[in-house]
Amino acid sequence: MKVSLFITCVVDSVFPNVGVSLTRILQECGCDVSFPPQQTCCGQPAFNSGYTDEARDVGMTLLRAFRDSDVVVSPSGSCVGMIHHYYPQLFANDPQLHQAAVDLANKTYEFSQFMVKQLQITDLGARFPHRVTYHPSCHGSRLLGVKDEPMQLLQGVHDIEIVELPYATDCCGFGGTFAVKMGEISGAMVDEKAENVARTDAEVLVGTDMGCLMNIGGRLRRTNRAVRVMHLAELLMEGMQLGKAVNA
């Protein structure tokens, strides 16, 4: 299967290992992976701030970048949610662009969604002998509807100990520009999230959106809590490498 990566701004500029891990996992699963270099931001920051014209301009670049792709996979439920739910709205007044937006939405998947629903893979032979807790992102779980897939992949990891995160579905307080515009409220929310993570005694916090993990991870570090923060793709890739070493 030919897969095009939509890598997102945050991963591309701050967390490139997430993109590398995602690529290697898809290749291990037999996918022919490509990275269209003309891709940019999905436009969500502008859209959420009310700059619809600017968001539309950015979105047109993304429509062109993935026009000829068979399948698009991204490590962010938030960005995929933007494409699924708001691109058709952004381009509603142009029939041709609206159809292009619908076509892109129909072939774009969040990573765990693609693995479980499309490839029907939940066990990658990964081993990860650590205590892990999982944070579901708001946009991934609520906007996109990806709820069970990340946990199914975690449950397929050998030797892992999964502990439930208290109030897991509570927002971490990031919300993109919300963290800037409502800093005091955002700070209080991430304080609660970091405290709940600490209560699990987990060694690792895993999630599927690096915006959330960047926010929570920053607060964990600033409060001297020794919890490793990982994207699901990073955990699975590290676990696959250990699994191969154990079975060699």
C-alpha atoms as a PDB file:
ATOM      1  CA  MET A   1       0.000   0.000   0.000  1.00  0.00           C
ATOM      2  CA  LYS A   2       1.292   3.460  -0.916  1.00  0.00           C
ATOM      3  CA  VAL A   3       1.127   5.873   2.018  1.00  0.00           C
ATOM      4  CA  SER A   4       1.903   9.599   2.073  1.00  0.00           C
ATOM      5  CA  LEU A   5       2.951  11.117   5.381  1.00  0.00           C
ATOM      6  CA  PHE A   6       1.364  14.315   6.643  1.00  0.00           C
ATOM      7  CA  ILE A   7       3.922  14.968   9.330  1.00  0.00           C
ATOM      8  CA  THR A   8       2.495  18.199  10.934  1.00  0.00           C
ATOM      9  CA  CYS A   9       4.295  21.381  11.978  1.00  0.00           C
ATOM     10  CA  VAL A  10       5.076  20.352  15.549  1.00  0.00           C
ATOM     11  CA  VAL A  11       6.577  17.002  14.585  1.00  0.00           C
ATOM     12  CA  ASP A  12       8.529  18.444  11.668  1.00  0.00           C
ATOM     13  CA  SER A  13      10.061  21.303  13.640  1.00  0.00           C
ATOM     14  CA  VAL A  14      10.320  19.990  17.212  1.00  0.00           C
ATOM     15  CA  PHE A  15       9.843  16.206  17.415  1.00  0.00           C
ATOM     16  CA  PRO A  16      11.292  14.658  14.231  1.00  0.00           C
ATOM     17  CA  ASN A  17      11.804  11.276  15.906  1.00  0.00           C
ATOM     18  CA  VAL A  18       8.031  10.834  15.892  1.00  0.00           C
ATOM     19  CA  GLY A  19       8.039  11.097  12.110  1.00  0.00           C
ATOM     20  CA  VAL A  20      10.982   8.713  11.816  1.00  0.00           C
ATOM     21  CA  SER A  21       9.269   6.179  14.080  1.00  0.00           C
ATOM     22  CA  LEU A  22       6.009   6.451  12.167  1.00  0.00           C
ATOM     23  CA  THR A  23       7.807   5.925   8.861  1.00  0.00           C
ATOM     24  CA  ARG A  24       9.700   2.862  10.063  1.00  0.00           C
ATOM     25  CA  ILE A  25       6.595   1.237  11.523  1.00  0.00           C
ATOM     26  CA  LEU A  26       4.642   1.693   8.307  1.00  0.00           C
ATOM     27  CA  GLN A  27       7.558   0.314   6.308  1.00  0.00           C
ATOM     28  CA  GLU A  28       7.767  -2.699   8.627  1.00  0.00           C
ATOM     29  CA  CYS A  29       4.081  -3.257   7.892  1.00  0.00           C
ATOM     30  CA  GLY A  30       4.788  -3.382   4.169  1.00  0.00           C
ATOM     31  CA  CYS A  31       3.749   0.141   3.216  1.00  0.00           C
ATOM     32  CA  ASP A  32       5.502   2.158   0.523  1.00  0.00           C
ATOM     33  CA  VAL A  33       5.971   5.444   2.386  1.00  0.00           C
ATOM     34  CA  SER A  34       6.559   8.859   0.817  1.00  0.00           C
ATOM     35  CA  PHE A  35       6.800  12.412   2.134  1.00  0.00           C
ATOM     36  CA  PRO A  36       5.414  15.102  -0.181  1.00  0.00           C
ATOM     37  CA  PRO A  37       7.860  17.973   0.475  1.00  0.00           C
ATOM     38  CA  GLN A  38       5.438  20.751  -0.478  1.00  0.00           C
ATOM     39  CA  GLN A  39       3.184  20.081   2.528  1.00  0.00           C
ATOM     40  CA  THR A  40       2.802  22.799   5.162  1.00  0.00           C
ATOM     41  CA  CYS A  41       0.620  23.498   8.191  1.00  0.00           C
ATOM     42  CA  CYS A  42      -3.001  22.319   8.012  1.00  0.00           C
ATOM     43  CA  GLY A  43      -4.124  25.853   8.921  1.00  0.00           C
ATOM     44  CA  GLN A  44      -5.722  24.964  12.230  1.00  0.00           C
ATOM     45  CA  PRO A  45      -4.052  27.739  14.314  1.00  0.00           C
ATOM     46  CA  ALA A  46      -5.346  30.391  11.911  1.00  0.00           C
ATOM     47  CA  PHE A  47      -8.768  28.745  11.655  1.00  0.00           C
ATOM     48  CA  ASN A  48      -9.204  28.496  15.418  1.00  0.00           C
ATOM     49  CA  SER A  49      -8.256  32.167  15.761  1.00  0.00           C
ATOM     50  CA  GLY A  50     -10.874  33.281  13.257  1.00  0.00           C
ATOM     51  CA  TYR A  51      -8.549  33.866  10.293  1.00  0.00           C
ATOM     52  CA  THR A  52     -10.507  31.774   7.819  1.00  0.00           C
ATOM     53  CA  ASP A  53      -9.050  33.363   4.673  1.00  0.00           C
ATOM     54  CA  GLU A  54      -5.517  32.662   5.851  1.00  0.00           C
ATOM     55  CA  ALA A  55      -6.490  29.127   6.884  1.00  0.00           C
ATOM     56  CA  ARG A  56      -7.994  28.584   3.439  1.00  0.00           C
ATOM     57  CA  ASP A  57      -4.773  29.704   1.740  1.00  0.00           C
ATOM     58  CA  VAL A  58      -2.747  27.248   3.800  1.00  0.00           C
ATOM     59  CA  GLY A  59      -5.310  24.522   3.228  1.00  0.00           C
ATOM     60  CA  MET A  60      -5.082  24.927  -0.547  1.00  0.00           C
ATOM     61  CA  THR A  61      -1.373  24.132  -0.342  1.00  0.00           C
ATOM     62  CA  LEU A  62      -2.160  20.939   1.542  1.00  0.00           C
ATOM     63  CA  LEU A  63      -4.855  19.964  -0.964  1.00  0.00           C
ATOM     64  CA  ARG A  64      -2.300  20.277  -3.760  1.00  0.00           C
ATOM     65  CA  ALA A  65       0.385  18.422  -1.814  1.00  0.00           C
ATOM     66  CA  PHE A  66      -1.756  15.313  -1.328  1.00  0.00           C
ATOM     67  CA  ARG A  67      -3.912  15.529  -4.454  1.00  0.00           C
ATOM     68  CA  ASP A  68      -2.368  12.412  -6.012  1.00  0.00           C
ATOM     69  CA  SER A  69      -1.896  10.420  -2.791  1.00  0.00           C
ATOM     70  CA  ASP A  70      -3.746   7.148  -2.301  1.00  0.00           C
ATOM     71  CA  VAL A  71      -3.677   7.263   1.500  1.00  0.00           C
ATOM     72  CA  VAL A  72      -2.461   9.951   3.916  1.00  0.00           C
ATOM     73  CA  VAL A  73      -1.351   9.092   7.463  1.00  0.00           C
ATOM     74  CA  SER A  74      -0.514  11.568  10.230  1.00  0.00           C
ATOM     75  CA  PRO A  75       0.741  11.300  13.831  1.00  0.00           C
ATOM     76  CA  SER A  76      -1.835  13.882  14.966  1.00  0.00           C
ATOM     77  CA  GLY A  77      -5.530  13.362  15.581  1.00  0.00           C
ATOM     78  CA  SER A  78      -5.887  17.116  15.959  1.00  0.00           C
ATOM     79  CA  CYS A  79      -4.607  17.917  12.472  1.00  0.00           C
ATOM     80  CA  VAL A  80      -6.508  15.021  10.903  1.00  0.00           C
ATOM     81  CA  GLY A  81      -9.630  16.229  12.695  1.00  0.00           C
ATOM     82  CA  MET A  82      -9.115  19.637  11.105  1.00  0.00           C
ATOM     83  CA  ILE A  83      -9.020  18.054   7.655  1.00  0.00           C
ATOM     84  CA  HIS A  84     -12.002  15.784   8.264  1.00  0.00           C
ATOM     85  CA  HIS A  85     -14.360  18.278   9.841  1.00  0.00           C
ATOM     86  CA  TYR A  86     -13.342  21.776   8.777  1.00  0.00           C
ATOM     87  CA  TYR A  87     -11.776  21.539   5.324  1.00  0.00           C
ATOM     88  CA  PRO A  88     -15.141  20.835   3.630  1.00  0.00           C
ATOM     89  CA  GLN A  89     -16.486  23.863   5.510  1.00  0.00           C
ATOM     90  CA  LEU A  90     -13.542  26.072   4.505  1.00  0.00           C
ATOM     91  CA  PHE A  91     -14.016  25.304   0.820  1.00  0.00           C
ATOM     92  CA  ALA A  92     -17.812  25.089   0.758  1.00  0.00           C
ATOM     93  CA  ASN A  93     -18.174  28.002  -1.695  1.00  0.00           C
ATOM     94  CA  ASP A  94     -16.000  26.450  -4.402  1.00  0.00           C
ATOM     95  CA  PRO A  95     -17.404  23.158  -5.764  1.00  0.00           C
ATOM     96  CA  GLN A  96     -14.071  21.965  -7.140  1.00  0.00           C
ATOM     97  CA  LEU A  97     -12.086  22.748  -4.005  1.00  0.00           C
ATOM     98  CA  HIS A  98     -14.875  21.418  -1.806  1.00  0.00           C
ATOM     99  CA  GLN A  99     -14.694  18.075  -3.606  1.00  0.00           C
ATOM    100  CA  ALA A 100     -10.910  18.080  -3.224  1.00  0.00           C
ATOM    101  CA  ALA A 101     -11.347  18.718   0.513  1.00  0.00           C
ATOM    102  CA  VAL A 102     -13.846  15.868   0.838  1.00  0.00           C
ATOM    103  CA  ASP A 103     -11.534  13.561  -1.112  1.00  0.00           C
ATOM    104  CA  LEU A 104      -8.603  14.429   1.149  1.00  0.00           C
ATOM    105  CA  ALA A 105     -10.696  13.895   4.272  1.00  0.00           C
ATOM    106  CA  ASN A 106     -11.835  10.486   3.057  1.00  0.00           C
ATOM    107  CA  LYS A 107      -8.284   9.221   2.565  1.00  0.00           C
ATOM    108  CA  THR A 108      -6.581  10.769   5.599  1.00  0.00           C
ATOM    109  CA  TYR A 109      -6.055   8.813   8.824  1.00  0.00           C
ATOM    110  CA  GLU A 110      -4.528   9.328  12.235  1.00  0.00           C
ATOM    111  CA  PHE A 111      -1.717   6.812  12.847  1.00  0.00           C
ATOM    112  CA  SER A 112      -3.439   4.461  15.316  1.00  0.00           C
ATOM    113  CA  GLN A 113      -6.675   4.668  13.343  1.00  0.00           C
ATOM    114  CA  PHE A 114      -4.846   3.567  10.206  1.00  0.00           C
ATOM    115  CA  MET A 115      -3.000   0.740  11.938  1.00  0.00           C
ATOM    116  CA  VAL A 116      -6.077  -0.776  13.582  1.00  0.00           C
ATOM    117  CA  LYS A 117      -8.885   0.009  11.141  1.00  0.00           C
ATOM    118  CA  GLN A 118      -7.116  -0.135   7.784  1.00  0.00           C
ATOM    119  CA  LEU A 119      -4.147  -2.466   8.260  1.00  0.00           C
ATOM    120  CA  GLN A 120      -5.944  -4.398  11.021  1.00  0.00           C
ATOM    121  CA  ILE A 121      -2.712  -4.700  13.002  1.00  0.00           C
ATOM    122  CA  THR A 122      -2.607  -4.463  16.798  1.00  0.00           C
ATOM    123  CA  ASP A 123       0.434  -6.625  17.622  1.00  0.00           C
ATOM    124  CA  LEU A 124       3.742  -5.473  16.155  1.00  0.00           C
ATOM    125  CA  GLY A 125       5.871  -7.845  18.193  1.00  0.00           C
ATOM    126  CA  ALA A 126       6.922  -4.955  20.422  1.00  0.00           C
ATOM    127  CA  ARG A 127       8.234  -5.385  23.962  1.00  0.00           C
ATOM    128  CA  PHE A 128       8.236  -2.497  26.411  1.00  0.00           C
ATOM    129  CA  PRO A 129       8.826  -3.546  30.045  1.00  0.00           C
ATOM    130  CA  HIS A 130       7.687  -0.315  31.660  1.00  0.00           C
ATOM    131  CA  ARG A 131       4.746   1.129  33.571  1.00  0.00           C
ATOM    132  CA  VAL A 132       2.811   3.319  31.114  1.00  0.00           C
ATOM    133  CA  THR A 133      -0.187   5.635  31.304  1.00  0.00           C
ATOM    134  CA  TYR A 134      -2.085   7.045  28.326  1.00  0.00           C
ATOM    135  CA  HIS A 135      -3.462  10.551  27.702  1.00  0.00           C
ATOM    136  CA  PRO A 136      -6.177  10.778  25.007  1.00  0.00           C
ATOM    137  CA  SER A 137      -6.148  14.111  23.197  1.00  0.00           C
ATOM    138  CA  CYS A 138      -9.397  16.077  22.983  1.00  0.00           C
ATOM    139  CA  HIS A 139      -9.375  16.513  19.213  1.00  0.00           C
ATOM    140  CA  GLY A 140      -8.286  12.951  18.534  1.00  0.00           C
ATOM    141  CA  SER A 141     -10.889  11.339  20.753  1.00  0.00           C
ATOM    142  CA  ARG A 142     -13.781  13.800  20.522  1.00  0.00           C
ATOM    143  CA  LEU A 143     -13.454  15.526  17.156  1.00  0.00           C
ATOM    144  CA  LEU A 144     -12.017  12.599  15.193  1.00  0.00           C
ATOM    145  CA  GLY A 145     -13.546   9.790  17.248  1.00  0.00           C
ATOM    146  CA  VAL A 146     -10.305   7.859  17.766  1.00  0.00           C
ATOM    147  CA  LYS A 147     -10.859   6.350  21.212  1.00  0.00           C
ATOM    148  CA  ASP A 148     -10.044   2.639  21.368  1.00  0.00           C
ATOM    149  CA  GLU A 149      -7.360   2.318  18.699  1.00  0.00           C
ATOM    150  CA  PRO A 150      -4.378   3.683  20.686  1.00  0.00           C
ATOM    151  CA  MET A 151      -5.194   1.432  23.624  1.00  0.00           C
ATOM    152  CA  GLN A 152      -5.561  -1.577  21.335  1.00  0.00           C
ATOM    153  CA  LEU A 153      -2.029  -0.992  20.073  1.00  0.00           C
ATOM    154  CA  LEU A 154      -0.716  -0.557  23.616  1.00  0.00           C
ATOM    155  CA  GLN A 155      -2.433  -3.749  24.731  1.00  0.00           C
ATOM    156  CA  GLY A 156      -0.640  -5.555  21.901  1.00  0.00           C
ATOM    157  CA  VAL A 157       2.752  -4.656  23.406  1.00  0.00           C
ATOM    158  CA  HIS A 158       4.405  -7.465  25.361  1.00  0.00           C
ATOM    159  CA  ASP A 159       5.655  -6.947  28.941  1.00  0.00           C
ATOM    160  CA  ILE A 160       4.010  -3.530  29.237  1.00  0.00           C
ATOM    161  CA  GLU A 161       2.145  -2.474  32.378  1.00  0.00           C
ATOM    162  CA  ILE A 162      -0.704  -0.101  31.531  1.00  0.00           C
ATOM    163  CA  VAL A 163      -2.137   1.968  34.366  1.00  0.00           C
ATOM    164  CA  GLU A 164      -5.248   4.100  33.955  1.00  0.00           C
ATOM    165  CA  LEU A 165      -4.751   7.861  34.094  1.00  0.00           C
ATOM    166  CA  PRO A 166      -7.178   9.546  36.528  1.00  0.00           C
ATOM    167  CA  TYR A 167      -9.540  11.932  34.727  1.00  0.00           C
ATOM    168  CA  ALA A 168      -7.856  10.870  31.501  1.00  0.00           C
ATOM    169  CA  THR A 169     -10.352  12.599  29.222  1.00  0.00           C
ATOM    170  CA  ASP A 170      -9.875  16.004  30.873  1.00  0.00           C
ATOM    171  CA  CYS A 171      -8.146  18.503  28.590  1.00  0.00           C
ATOM    172  CA  CYS A 172      -4.462  19.153  29.293  1.00  0.00           C
ATOM    173  CA  GLY A 173      -4.972  22.888  28.733  1.00  0.00           C
ATOM    174  CA  PHE A 174      -2.985  23.223  25.519  1.00  0.00           C
ATOM    175  CA  GLY A 175      -5.613  23.743  22.830  1.00  0.00           C
ATOM    176  CA  GLY A 176      -3.147  25.473  20.514  1.00  0.00           C
ATOM    177  CA  THR A 177      -3.694  29.228  20.793  1.00  0.00           C
ATOM    178  CA  PHE A 178      -5.830  28.699  23.918  1.00  0.00           C
ATOM    179  CA  ALA A 179      -2.623  28.191  25.904  1.00  0.00           C
ATOM    180  CA  VAL A 180      -1.462  31.640  24.766  1.00  0.00           C
ATOM    181  CA  LYS A 181      -4.735  33.548  25.039  1.00  0.00           C
ATOM    182  CA  MET A 182      -5.861  31.976  28.321  1.00  0.00           C
ATOM    183  CA  GLY A 183      -2.510  31.308  29.936  1.00  0.00           C
ATOM    184  CA  GLU A 184      -3.670  31.296  33.547  1.00  0.00           C
ATOM    185  CA  ILE A 185      -6.508  28.851  32.914  1.00  0.00           C
ATOM    186  CA  SER A 186      -4.299  26.719  30.686  1.00  0.00           C
ATOM    187  CA  GLY A 187      -1.637  26.590  33.387  1.00  0.00           C
ATOM    188  CA  ALA A 188      -4.124  25.437  36.005  1.00  0.00           C
ATOM    189  CA  MET A 189      -5.399  22.717  33.682  1.00  0.00           C
ATOM    190  CA  VAL A 190      -1.964  21.324  32.901  1.00  0.00           C
ATOM    191  CA  ASP A 191      -1.071  21.439  36.608  1.00  0.00           C
ATOM    192  CA  GLU A 192      -3.986  19.092  37.273  1.00  0.00           C
ATOM    193  CA  LYS A 193      -3.008  16.848  34.382  1.00  0.00           C
ATOM    194  CA  ALA A 194       0.616  16.609  35.542  1.00  0.00           C
ATOM    195  CA  GLU A 195      -0.528  15.823  39.074  1.00  0.00           C
ATOM    196  CA  ASN A 196      -2.768  13.034  37.789  1.00  0.00           C
ATOM    197  CA  VAL A 197       0.088  11.605  35.736  1.00  0.00           C
ATOM    198  CA  ALA A 198       2.327  11.637  38.810  1.00  0.00           C
ATOM    199  CA  ARG A 199      -0.336   9.813  40.835  1.00  0.00           C
ATOM    200  CA  THR A 200      -0.081   6.803  38.514  1.00  0.00           C
ATOM    201  CA  ASP A 201       3.618   6.269  39.308  1.00  0.00           C
ATOM    202  CA  ALA A 202       4.043   5.647  35.588  1.00  0.00           C
ATOM    203  CA  GLU A 203       7.506   5.680  34.070  1.00  0.00           C
ATOM    204  CA  VAL A 204       6.122   6.768  30.710  1.00  0.00           C
ATOM    205  CA  LEU A 205       3.274   9.003  29.551  1.00  0.00           C
ATOM    206  CA  VAL A 206       2.160   8.125  26.033  1.00  0.00           C
ATOM    207  CA  GLY A 207      -0.200   9.954  23.695  1.00  0.00           C
ATOM    208  CA  THR A 208      -1.017  10.533  20.042  1.00  0.00           C
ATOM    209  CA  ASP A 209      -0.762  14.329  19.758  1.00  0.00           C
ATOM    210  CA  MET A 210       2.551  16.057  20.347  1.00  0.00           C
ATOM    211  CA  GLY A 211       0.889  19.373  21.209  1.00  0.00           C
ATOM    212  CA  CYS A 212      -0.601  17.768  24.311  1.00  0.00           C
ATOM    213  CA  LEU A 213       2.567  15.845  25.122  1.00  0.00           C
ATOM    214  CA  MET A 214       4.729  18.954  24.716  1.00  0.00           C
ATOM    215  CA  ASN A 215       2.464  20.817  27.123  1.00  0.00           C
ATOM    216  CA  ILE A 216       2.222  18.062  29.741  1.00  0.00           C
ATOM    217  CA  GLY A 217       5.875  17.107  29.381  1.00  0.00           C
ATOM    218  CA  GLY A 218       6.960  20.687  29.964  1.00  0.00           C
ATOM    219  CA  ARG A 219       4.978  20.904  33.179  1.00  0.00           C
ATOM    220  CA  LEU A 220       6.288  17.526  34.362  1.00  0.00           C
ATOM    221  CA  ARG A 221       9.864  18.711  33.836  1.00  0.00           C
ATOM    222  CA  ARG A 222       9.285  22.051  35.535  1.00  0.00           C
ATOM    223  CA  THR A 223       7.874  20.260  38.581  1.00  0.00           C
ATOM    224  CA  ASN A 224      10.774  17.774  38.649  1.00  0.00           C
ATOM    225  CA  ARG A 225       8.658  14.710  37.887  1.00  0.00           C
ATOM    226  CA  ALA A 226      10.736  12.032  36.213  1.00  0.00           C
ATOM    227  CA  VAL A 227       8.202  10.796  33.676  1.00  0.00           C
ATOM    228  CA  ARG A 228       9.283  10.072  30.128  1.00  0.00           C
ATOM    229  CA  VAL A 229       6.898  11.467  27.503  1.00  0.00           C
ATOM    230  CA  MET A 230       6.502   9.543  24.225  1.00  0.00           C
ATOM    231  CA  HIS A 231       4.300   9.529  21.171  1.00  0.00           C
ATOM    232  CA  LEU A 232       2.644   6.168  20.577  1.00  0.00           C
ATOM    233  CA  ALA A 233       4.708   5.664  17.418  1.00  0.00           C
ATOM    234  CA  GLU A 234       7.945   6.197  19.374  1.00  0.00           C
ATOM    235  CA  LEU A 235       6.934   3.680  22.031  1.00  0.00           C
ATOM    236  CA  LEU A 236       5.958   1.087  19.444  1.00  0.00           C
ATOM    237  CA  MET A 237       9.148   1.573  17.427  1.00  0.00           C
ATOM    238  CA  GLU A 238      11.362   1.305  20.498  1.00  0.00           C
ATOM    239  CA  GLY A 239       9.391  -1.751  21.561  1.00  0.00           C
ATOM    240  CA  MET A 240       9.739  -3.359  18.134  1.00  0.00           C
ATOM    241  CA  GLN A 241      13.501  -2.923  18.274  1.00  0.00           C
ATOM    242  CA  LEU A 242      13.626  -4.566  21.698  1.00  0.00           C
ATOM    243  CA  GLY A 243      11.314  -7.330  20.518  1.00  0.00           C
ATOM    244  CA  LYS A 244      13.630  -8.124  17.616  1.00  0.00           C
ATOM    245  CA  ALA A 245      16.671  -8.126  19.902  1.00  0.00           C
ATOM    246  CA  VAL A 246      15.013 -10.510  22.369  1.00  0.00           C
ATOM    247  CA  ASN A 247      13.934 -12.877  19.614  1.00  0.00           C
ATOM    248  CA  ALA A 248      17.237 -12.781  17.726  1.00  0.00           C
END
